[in-house]
Amino acid sequence: MKYIGLNQQIWSNNFKSVILLIMFPLVLLGLVWLFIFLIQPTEQYSVTGTNSIFVRTAPWVAVVVLTWFAIAWFSHTAMIEKATGSVPLSRKENKRIYNLVENLCIGSGMPLPKINIIQDDSLNAFASGINTSTFTVSLSRGIINKLGDDELEAVIAHELTHIRNRDVRLLIISIIFVGIFAFITEALVRSVRFSGGGKGKKDGRVVLLALLLAAVGYLLSSLFRFAISRQREFMADAGSANMTKNPLALASALEKISADPAIEAVRRNDVAQMFIDNPQPKKERPASFQVSSLFMTHPPIEKRIALLRQF
């Protein structure tokens, strides 16, 4: 993979992320419109009639989505800490970590985030938070103990770049949209499973159509979410190289992390994608099977290391 320059890479990744983010509401509203259109009697198919119903329906869809967003937005910090088992790390416990974080924050003009530790001997780290009061860098006990200062500094710089670029906000939005489609799909599957066919042929057709469209929405939103996650990882790697002026340190750290990234407490894929390397077990696939890369939360770590070595 050819390196194209830091500024161009950042601009390209930001542009792609914005385009992908715009696609979420477009897919949701597009599928709502298509559902309204398809449930009309065949002889009454009408774009004008569909538009009229859609205009009346869209505000209710927006209210439900915004309510869902508000609940998920303000509860995500507690959910992430519970899902990862991270707890605050005090300065007395580890002055080395605080010195590394403070030096990087002073050099880049950033406020000092909270620092958490995950009591796990595997090597991993992640950033979380949506504003200055909640920004947090979480490091596993393994990554603290097994990396040298330059390597650990590069990892922390990677996570600080996520914070500076507001990547957590972007990922939360993408996760919420996927969650909406997942919930709708699961609810419709249960409806089909337990309805017992008592609602009649027409109602059964409507439910099956809604299930099909919800499944399409879930697939597309998942692909968008994974693509956003991969782009932000590339950008955070570039940001770390720029912040530390030592891209080889992050390349070395990623090599060590990739050998043992599994955090035992992490069971959810939406939480796993926040880490510097996905801590969930990796499924072995043939190298030629390129479609699998569309469902990856992170770029291949070999590709990330190769890019860093080209700086």
Protein backbone atom coordinates (compact mmCIF):
# COMPACT_ATOMS: atom_id res chain seq x y z
CA MET A 1 0.00 0.00 0.00
CA LYS A 2 1.57 3.28 -1.08
CA TYR A 3 1.86 6.06 1.47
CA ILE A 4 0.41 9.32 0.07
CA GLY A 5 1.41 11.84 2.74
CA LEU A 6 0.01 12.60 6.16
CA ASN A 7 -2.19 15.61 5.30
CA GLN A 8 -3.62 13.95 2.20
CA GLN A 9 -4.30 10.75 4.14
CA ILE A 10 -6.10 12.67 6.91
CA TRP A 11 -8.19 14.63 4.38
CA SER A 12 -9.05 11.45 2.44
CA ASN A 13 -10.07 9.53 5.58
CA ASN A 14 -12.18 12.43 6.90
CA PHE A 15 -13.94 12.82 3.55
CA LYS A 16 -14.72 9.10 3.34
CA SER A 17 -15.99 9.07 6.93
CA VAL A 18 -18.35 12.01 6.29
CA ILE A 19 -19.74 10.34 3.17
CA LEU A 20 -20.28 7.07 5.05
CA LEU A 21 -21.93 8.90 7.96
CA ILE A 22 -24.37 10.63 5.62
CA MET A 23 -25.33 7.24 4.23
CA PHE A 24 -26.86 6.04 7.54
CA PRO A 25 -29.92 8.34 7.62
CA LEU A 26 -30.26 8.11 3.83
CA VAL A 27 -30.50 4.31 4.02
CA LEU A 28 -32.99 4.48 6.91
CA LEU A 29 -35.26 7.00 5.21
CA GLY A 30 -34.86 5.31 1.83
CA LEU A 31 -36.00 1.97 3.22
CA VAL A 32 -38.97 3.59 4.98
CA TRP A 33 -40.03 5.17 1.64
CA LEU A 34 -39.58 1.85 -0.19
CA PHE A 35 -41.62 0.00 2.43
CA ILE A 36 -44.50 2.50 2.08
CA PHE A 37 -44.36 2.17 -1.69
CA LEU A 38 -44.32 -1.65 -1.75
CA ILE A 39 -47.18 -2.23 0.72
CA GLN A 40 -49.64 -0.44 -1.56
CA PRO A 41 -51.94 -2.62 -3.65
CA THR A 42 -50.28 -3.43 -6.97
CA GLU A 43 -52.87 -1.52 -8.99
CA GLN A 44 -52.43 1.58 -6.79
CA TYR A 45 -48.63 1.96 -6.92
CA SER A 46 -48.05 5.71 -6.92
CA VAL A 47 -44.92 7.76 -6.24
CA THR A 48 -47.06 10.78 -5.41
CA GLY A 49 -49.14 8.83 -2.90
CA THR A 50 -46.01 7.30 -1.37
CA ASN A 51 -44.40 10.73 -0.99
CA SER A 52 -47.51 12.04 0.75
CA ILE A 53 -47.51 9.19 3.29
CA PHE A 54 -43.73 9.42 3.71
CA VAL A 55 -43.88 13.14 4.57
CA ARG A 56 -46.35 12.34 7.37
CA THR A 57 -44.37 9.30 8.57
CA ALA A 58 -40.82 10.71 8.48
CA PRO A 59 -41.23 13.02 11.54
CA TRP A 60 -42.33 10.06 13.68
CA VAL A 61 -39.35 8.05 12.46
CA ALA A 62 -37.10 11.00 13.36
CA VAL A 63 -38.58 11.25 16.88
CA VAL A 64 -38.00 7.54 17.56
CA VAL A 65 -34.44 7.68 16.21
CA LEU A 66 -33.57 10.84 18.19
CA THR A 67 -34.95 9.32 21.39
CA TRP A 68 -32.90 6.19 20.79
CA PHE A 69 -29.83 8.36 20.15
CA ALA A 70 -30.30 10.37 23.34
CA ILE A 71 -30.52 7.26 25.53
CA ALA A 72 -27.50 5.56 23.91
CA TRP A 73 -25.47 8.80 23.75
CA PHE A 74 -25.62 9.56 27.46
CA SER A 75 -25.27 5.97 28.68
CA HIS A 76 -22.37 4.87 26.50
CA THR A 77 -19.55 5.73 28.95
CA ALA A 78 -20.97 3.56 31.75
CA MET A 79 -21.72 0.80 29.24
CA ILE A 80 -18.15 0.79 27.88
CA GLU A 81 -16.55 0.75 31.33
CA LYS A 82 -18.79 -2.13 32.38
CA ALA A 83 -18.12 -4.06 29.17
CA THR A 84 -14.33 -3.69 29.41
CA GLY A 85 -13.82 -3.79 33.17
CA SER A 86 -11.75 -0.59 33.05
CA VAL A 87 -11.20 1.34 36.29
CA PRO A 88 -9.44 4.64 37.09
CA LEU A 89 -5.64 4.56 37.35
CA SER A 90 -4.26 7.02 39.89
CA ARG A 91 -1.01 8.94 39.51
CA LYS A 92 0.39 7.21 42.61
CA GLU A 93 -0.16 3.82 40.98
CA ASN A 94 1.77 4.66 37.83
CA LYS A 95 3.61 7.98 37.43
CA ARG A 96 5.20 6.68 34.21
CA ILE A 97 1.85 6.59 32.39
CA TYR A 98 0.85 10.04 33.61
CA ASN A 99 4.18 11.51 32.49
CA LEU A 100 3.79 10.04 29.01
CA VAL A 101 0.20 11.24 28.65
CA GLU A 102 0.93 14.71 30.04
CA ASN A 103 3.95 15.25 27.76
CA LEU A 104 1.92 14.32 24.68
CA CYS A 105 -1.03 16.49 25.73
CA ILE A 106 1.20 19.51 26.41
CA GLY A 107 2.97 19.04 23.07
CA SER A 108 -0.31 18.88 21.14
CA GLY A 109 -2.26 21.45 23.19
CA MET A 110 -4.82 18.95 24.46
CA PRO A 111 -6.48 18.78 27.88
CA LEU A 112 -5.44 15.79 29.98
CA PRO A 113 -7.97 12.94 29.63
CA LYS A 114 -8.86 10.51 32.38
CA ILE A 115 -6.68 7.41 32.50
CA ASN A 116 -8.13 3.96 33.15
CA ILE A 117 -6.56 0.54 33.47
CA ILE A 118 -7.95 -2.83 32.37
CA GLN A 119 -6.77 -5.60 34.67
CA ASP A 120 -5.75 -7.99 31.89
CA ASP A 121 -2.29 -9.24 30.89
CA SER A 122 -3.08 -9.04 27.16
CA LEU A 123 -1.94 -5.99 25.19
CA ASN A 124 -4.59 -3.48 24.12
CA ALA A 125 -5.90 0.05 24.59
CA PHE A 126 -8.82 2.26 23.60
CA ALA A 127 -10.12 5.82 23.84
CA SER A 128 -13.64 6.80 24.92
CA GLY A 129 -15.73 9.85 25.80
CA ILE A 130 -17.75 12.48 23.94
CA ASN A 131 -16.53 15.67 25.64
CA THR A 132 -13.69 17.04 27.76
CA SER A 133 -15.20 15.79 31.01
CA THR A 134 -15.55 12.20 29.74
CA PHE A 135 -12.50 11.77 27.48
CA THR A 136 -10.61 8.69 28.71
CA VAL A 137 -7.61 6.64 27.61
CA SER A 138 -7.78 3.04 28.84
CA LEU A 139 -4.72 0.79 28.85
CA SER A 140 -4.46 -2.88 29.74
CA ARG A 141 -2.05 -3.95 32.47
CA GLY A 142 -0.28 -6.08 29.85
CA ILE A 143 0.37 -3.21 27.46
CA ILE A 144 1.73 -1.06 30.30
CA ASN A 145 4.10 -3.75 31.51
CA LYS A 146 5.25 -5.21 28.19
CA LEU A 147 5.91 -2.16 26.01
CA GLY A 148 8.90 0.16 26.19
CA ASP A 149 8.42 3.88 26.75
CA ASP A 150 8.64 4.79 23.03
CA GLU A 151 6.16 2.07 22.07
CA LEU A 152 3.73 2.94 24.86
CA GLU A 153 3.99 6.63 24.02
CA ALA A 154 3.08 5.83 20.40
CA VAL A 155 0.03 3.80 21.51
CA ILE A 156 -1.13 6.62 23.80
CA ALA A 157 -0.64 9.11 20.93
CA HIS A 158 -2.83 6.88 18.76
CA GLU A 159 -5.60 7.02 21.37
CA LEU A 160 -5.19 10.76 21.90
CA THR A 161 -5.60 11.22 18.13
CA HIS A 162 -8.94 9.39 18.37
CA ILE A 163 -9.96 11.88 21.07
CA ARG A 164 -8.70 14.92 19.17
CA ASN A 165 -10.50 13.82 16.00
CA ARG A 166 -13.75 13.06 17.91
CA ASP A 167 -13.68 9.52 16.54
CA VAL A 168 -15.61 8.15 19.51
CA ARG A 169 -18.59 10.35 18.63
CA LEU A 170 -18.47 9.12 15.06
CA LEU A 171 -18.30 5.48 16.10
CA ILE A 172 -21.12 5.86 18.62
CA ILE A 173 -23.37 7.32 15.92
CA SER A 174 -22.57 4.45 13.58
CA ILE A 175 -23.11 1.86 16.34
CA ILE A 176 -26.48 3.39 17.23
CA PHE A 177 -27.72 3.21 13.64
CA VAL A 178 -26.66 -0.43 13.39
CA GLY A 179 -28.41 -1.07 16.71
CA ILE A 180 -31.65 0.42 15.37
CA PHE A 181 -31.68 -1.90 12.37
CA ALA A 182 -30.64 -4.86 14.53
CA PHE A 183 -33.51 -4.19 16.96
CA ILE A 184 -36.08 -3.83 14.16
CA THR A 185 -34.84 -7.00 12.46
CA GLU A 186 -34.93 -9.03 15.69
CA ALA A 187 -38.40 -7.72 16.58
CA LEU A 188 -39.74 -8.68 13.16
CA VAL A 189 -38.14 -12.13 13.32
CA ARG A 190 -39.88 -12.70 16.66
CA SER A 191 -43.14 -11.45 15.15
CA VAL A 192 -42.91 -13.93 12.29
CA ARG A 193 -41.88 -16.76 14.62
CA PHE A 194 -44.61 -16.30 17.22
CA SER A 195 -47.49 -14.88 15.18
CA GLY A 196 -48.69 -18.35 14.22
CA GLY A 197 -50.12 -16.99 10.98
CA GLY A 198 -53.17 -15.56 12.71
CA LYS A 199 -52.97 -12.14 11.15
CA GLY A 200 -53.83 -13.19 7.65
CA LYS A 201 -51.98 -13.46 4.38
CA LYS A 202 -51.78 -9.72 3.72
CA ASP A 203 -50.40 -8.87 7.16
CA GLY A 204 -47.93 -11.73 6.87
CA ARG A 205 -46.67 -10.32 3.57
CA VAL A 206 -46.22 -6.88 5.13
CA VAL A 207 -44.23 -8.29 8.05
CA LEU A 208 -42.01 -10.36 5.77
CA LEU A 209 -41.40 -7.35 3.52
CA ALA A 210 -40.51 -5.21 6.55
CA LEU A 211 -38.17 -7.97 7.76
CA LEU A 212 -36.42 -8.14 4.39
CA LEU A 213 -35.92 -4.36 4.23
CA ALA A 214 -34.75 -4.22 7.87
CA ALA A 215 -32.23 -6.98 7.16
CA VAL A 216 -30.95 -5.04 4.14
CA GLY A 217 -30.65 -1.94 6.32
CA TYR A 218 -28.78 -3.89 8.99
CA LEU A 219 -26.32 -5.27 6.43
CA LEU A 220 -25.67 -1.88 4.80
CA SER A 221 -25.35 0.00 8.10
CA SER A 222 -22.94 -2.66 9.39
CA LEU A 223 -20.78 -2.28 6.29
CA PHE A 224 -20.78 1.51 6.71
CA ARG A 225 -19.86 1.16 10.40
CA PHE A 226 -16.96 -1.19 9.68
CA ALA A 227 -15.68 1.09 6.90
CA ILE A 228 -15.75 4.13 9.20
CA SER A 229 -13.91 2.20 11.91
CA ARG A 230 -11.16 1.11 9.49
CA GLN A 231 -10.68 4.65 8.17
CA ARG A 232 -10.35 6.13 11.66
CA GLU A 233 -7.71 3.55 12.62
CA PHE A 234 -5.56 4.53 9.66
CA MET A 235 -5.94 8.18 10.63
CA ALA A 236 -5.11 7.57 14.29
CA ASP A 237 -1.95 5.72 13.22
CA ALA A 238 -0.96 8.72 11.10
CA GLY A 239 -1.77 11.07 13.98
CA SER A 240 0.43 9.07 16.34
CA ALA A 241 3.33 9.19 13.89
CA ASN A 242 2.89 12.94 13.55
CA MET A 243 2.59 13.51 17.32
CA THR A 244 5.59 11.42 18.38
CA LYS A 245 7.73 11.80 15.23
CA ASN A 246 8.45 8.10 15.69
CA PRO A 247 6.27 5.94 13.41
CA LEU A 248 8.53 2.91 13.88
CA ALA A 249 7.67 2.88 17.60
CA LEU A 250 3.98 2.39 16.80
CA ALA A 251 4.84 -0.23 14.17
CA SER A 252 6.83 -2.13 16.81
CA ALA A 253 4.00 -1.75 19.35
CA LEU A 254 1.41 -3.05 16.87
CA GLU A 255 3.54 -6.13 16.18
CA LYS A 256 3.61 -6.95 19.90
CA ILE A 257 -0.09 -6.13 20.38
CA SER A 258 -1.14 -8.35 17.48
CA ALA A 259 0.44 -11.36 19.19
CA ASP A 260 -1.86 -11.07 22.23
CA PRO A 261 -4.71 -8.51 21.94
CA ALA A 262 -7.52 -10.60 23.51
CA ILE A 263 -9.16 -8.85 26.47
CA GLU A 264 -11.19 -11.53 28.24
CA ALA A 265 -13.89 -9.15 29.52
CA VAL A 266 -14.80 -7.92 26.02
CA ARG A 267 -17.66 -9.90 24.48
CA ARG A 268 -19.41 -7.28 22.34
CA ASN A 269 -18.21 -6.45 18.84
CA ASP A 270 -19.38 -2.83 19.04
CA VAL A 271 -17.08 -2.34 22.06
CA ALA A 272 -14.25 -4.39 20.53
CA GLN A 273 -14.00 -2.05 17.55
CA MET A 274 -12.90 0.80 19.85
CA PHE A 275 -9.59 -0.90 20.71
CA ILE A 276 -6.30 -0.29 18.89
CA ASP A 277 -6.58 -3.91 17.74
CA ASN A 278 -9.83 -5.88 17.90
CA PRO A 279 -9.54 -7.95 21.10
CA GLN A 280 -11.96 -10.65 19.97
CA PRO A 281 -10.70 -13.96 18.53
CA LYS A 282 -9.88 -13.65 14.86
CA LYS A 283 -11.39 -16.11 12.41
CA GLU A 284 -8.94 -17.67 10.02
CA ARG A 285 -9.81 -17.07 6.37
CA PRO A 286 -7.94 -17.71 3.13
CA ALA A 287 -5.87 -14.73 2.09
CA SER A 288 -7.66 -14.67 -1.27
CA PHE A 289 -11.09 -14.24 0.32
CA GLN A 290 -11.29 -10.44 -0.04
CA VAL A 291 -15.01 -10.08 0.80
CA SER A 292 -14.20 -10.82 4.45
CA SER A 293 -12.31 -7.52 4.70
CA LEU A 294 -15.63 -5.65 4.33
CA PHE A 295 -16.72 -7.02 7.71
CA MET A 296 -13.47 -6.18 9.55
CA THR A 297 -13.57 -3.49 12.26
CA HIS A 298 -9.83 -2.80 11.79
CA PRO A 299 -7.54 -2.75 8.76
CA PRO A 300 -5.15 -5.72 8.59
CA ILE A 301 -2.44 -4.96 11.11
CA GLU A 302 0.21 -5.93 8.54
CA LYS A 303 -1.04 -3.14 6.28
CA ARG A 304 -0.96 -0.63 9.15
CA ILE A 305 2.60 -1.59 10.03
CA ALA A 306 3.69 -1.37 6.38
CA LEU A 307 2.25 2.15 6.12
CA LEU A 308 4.01 3.29 9.28
CA ARG A 309 7.32 2.02 7.97
CA GLN A 310 6.92 4.22 4.88
CA PHE A 311 6.85 7.52 6.83
